[in-house]
Amino acid sequence: MMSGYHLGKLVAPFTGIGSCNLQVLIAWLTEMLLPTIGAGKKIVLDNASFHRCQLVREVVETAGCELIYSLFIN
């Protein structure tokens, strides 16, 4: 399950079957999270290897958001 936390609410909830991978993350970001929260926000991800893919950074920054990695969430 993935979701965002924005203005005190859970947003863009997603439940999938199986494990998460780069394709699932990109689809969730582009189709659900980023359109919901809008530009100028910070996206915090953990340090999973596919989160650190350049494509993830490009998708987030193209939407006008900032990408931050945290070692303290999982």
C-alpha atoms as a PDB file:
ATOM      1  CA  MET A   1       0.000   0.000   0.000  1.00  0.00           C
ATOM      2  CA  MET A   2       1.155   3.516  -0.774  1.00  0.00           C
ATOM      3  CA  SER A   3      -0.351   6.865   0.031  1.00  0.00           C
ATOM      4  CA  GLY A   4       0.660  10.434   0.548  1.00  0.00           C
ATOM      5  CA  TYR A   5       0.118  12.682   3.540  1.00  0.00           C
ATOM      6  CA  HIS A   6      -0.892  16.212   2.570  1.00  0.00           C
ATOM      7  CA  LEU A   7      -2.513  18.950   4.657  1.00  0.00           C
ATOM      8  CA  GLY A   8      -3.261  16.511   7.465  1.00  0.00           C
ATOM      9  CA  LYS A   9      -4.953  13.897   5.266  1.00  0.00           C
ATOM     10  CA  LEU A  10      -3.994  10.691   3.499  1.00  0.00           C
ATOM     11  CA  VAL A  11      -4.150  11.228  -0.261  1.00  0.00           C
ATOM     12  CA  ALA A  12      -3.717   9.078  -3.366  1.00  0.00           C
ATOM     13  CA  PRO A  13      -4.126   5.717  -1.600  1.00  0.00           C
ATOM     14  CA  PHE A  14      -3.062   2.734  -3.676  1.00  0.00           C
ATOM     15  CA  THR A  15      -3.169  -0.960  -2.906  1.00  0.00           C
ATOM     16  CA  GLY A  16      -1.616  -3.402  -5.331  1.00  0.00           C
ATOM     17  CA  ILE A  17      -1.034  -7.101  -5.552  1.00  0.00           C
ATOM     18  CA  GLY A  18       2.586  -8.172  -5.265  1.00  0.00           C
ATOM     19  CA  SER A  19       5.578  -6.005  -4.532  1.00  0.00           C
ATOM     20  CA  CYS A  20       6.241  -2.431  -5.532  1.00  0.00           C
ATOM     21  CA  ASN A  21       8.732  -1.681  -8.294  1.00  0.00           C
ATOM     22  CA  LEU A  22       9.795   1.264 -10.420  1.00  0.00           C
ATOM     23  CA  GLN A  23       6.887   0.969 -12.855  1.00  0.00           C
ATOM     24  CA  VAL A  24       4.311   0.906 -10.039  1.00  0.00           C
ATOM     25  CA  LEU A  25       5.942   3.884  -8.304  1.00  0.00           C
ATOM     26  CA  ILE A  26       6.077   5.974 -11.505  1.00  0.00           C
ATOM     27  CA  ALA A  27       2.436   5.198 -12.295  1.00  0.00           C
ATOM     28  CA  TRP A  28       1.369   6.132  -8.753  1.00  0.00           C
ATOM     29  CA  LEU A  29       3.352   9.368  -8.820  1.00  0.00           C
ATOM     30  CA  THR A  30       2.161  10.507 -12.250  1.00  0.00           C
ATOM     31  CA  GLU A  31      -1.437   9.322 -12.114  1.00  0.00           C
ATOM     32  CA  MET A  32      -2.349   9.713  -8.468  1.00  0.00           C
ATOM     33  CA  LEU A  33      -0.042  11.614  -6.106  1.00  0.00           C
ATOM     34  CA  LEU A  34       1.403  14.492  -8.107  1.00  0.00           C
ATOM     35  CA  PRO A  35      -1.904  15.589  -9.685  1.00  0.00           C
ATOM     36  CA  THR A  36      -3.485  15.533  -6.219  1.00  0.00           C
ATOM     37  CA  ILE A  37      -0.922  17.610  -4.337  1.00  0.00           C
ATOM     38  CA  GLY A  38       0.213  20.054  -7.036  1.00  0.00           C
ATOM     39  CA  ALA A  39       3.534  21.819  -7.535  1.00  0.00           C
ATOM     40  CA  GLY A  40       5.788  23.196  -4.842  1.00  0.00           C
ATOM     41  CA  LYS A  41       5.565  20.242  -2.462  1.00  0.00           C
ATOM     42  CA  LYS A  42       8.243  17.950  -1.028  1.00  0.00           C
ATOM     43  CA  ILE A  43       8.052  14.234  -1.796  1.00  0.00           C
ATOM     44  CA  VAL A  44       9.769  12.089   0.833  1.00  0.00           C
ATOM     45  CA  LEU A  45      10.725   8.523  -0.100  1.00  0.00           C
ATOM     46  CA  ASP A  46      12.720   5.898   1.733  1.00  0.00           C
ATOM     47  CA  ASN A  47      16.011   4.648   0.314  1.00  0.00           C
ATOM     48  CA  ALA A  48      14.709   1.653  -1.675  1.00  0.00           C
ATOM     49  CA  SER A  49      17.016   1.172  -4.663  1.00  0.00           C
ATOM     50  CA  PHE A  50      14.336   1.878  -7.281  1.00  0.00           C
ATOM     51  CA  HIS A  51      13.340   5.110  -5.498  1.00  0.00           C
ATOM     52  CA  ARG A  52      16.802   6.463  -6.315  1.00  0.00           C
ATOM     53  CA  CYS A  53      16.352   5.988 -10.064  1.00  0.00           C
ATOM     54  CA  GLN A  54      16.912   9.148 -12.115  1.00  0.00           C
ATOM     55  CA  LEU A  55      13.467   8.707 -13.689  1.00  0.00           C
ATOM     56  CA  VAL A  56      11.808   9.147 -10.286  1.00  0.00           C
ATOM     57  CA  ARG A  57      13.662  12.419  -9.736  1.00  0.00           C
ATOM     58  CA  GLU A  58      12.751  13.628 -13.231  1.00  0.00           C
ATOM     59  CA  VAL A  59       9.048  12.838 -12.760  1.00  0.00           C
ATOM     60  CA  VAL A  60       8.921  14.609  -9.392  1.00  0.00           C
ATOM     61  CA  GLU A  61      10.891  17.657 -10.517  1.00  0.00           C
ATOM     62  CA  THR A  62       8.947  17.962 -13.790  1.00  0.00           C
ATOM     63  CA  ALA A  63       5.807  18.243 -11.658  1.00  0.00           C
ATOM     64  CA  GLY A  64       7.440  21.154  -9.798  1.00  0.00           C
ATOM     65  CA  CYS A  65       8.096  19.245  -6.581  1.00  0.00           C
ATOM     66  CA  GLU A  66      11.250  18.480  -4.604  1.00  0.00           C
ATOM     67  CA  LEU A  67      12.440  14.923  -3.931  1.00  0.00           C
ATOM     68  CA  ILE A  68      13.915  14.055  -0.533  1.00  0.00           C
ATOM     69  CA  TYR A  69      15.187  10.675   0.654  1.00  0.00           C
ATOM     70  CA  SER A  70      14.844   9.666   4.286  1.00  0.00           C
ATOM     71  CA  LEU A  71      16.607   6.822   6.048  1.00  0.00           C
ATOM     72  CA  PHE A  72      14.078   7.005   8.870  1.00  0.00           C
ATOM     73  CA  ILE A  73      10.918   5.773   7.129  1.00  0.00           C
ATOM     74  CA  ASN A  74      10.051   2.245   6.079  1.00  0.00           C
END
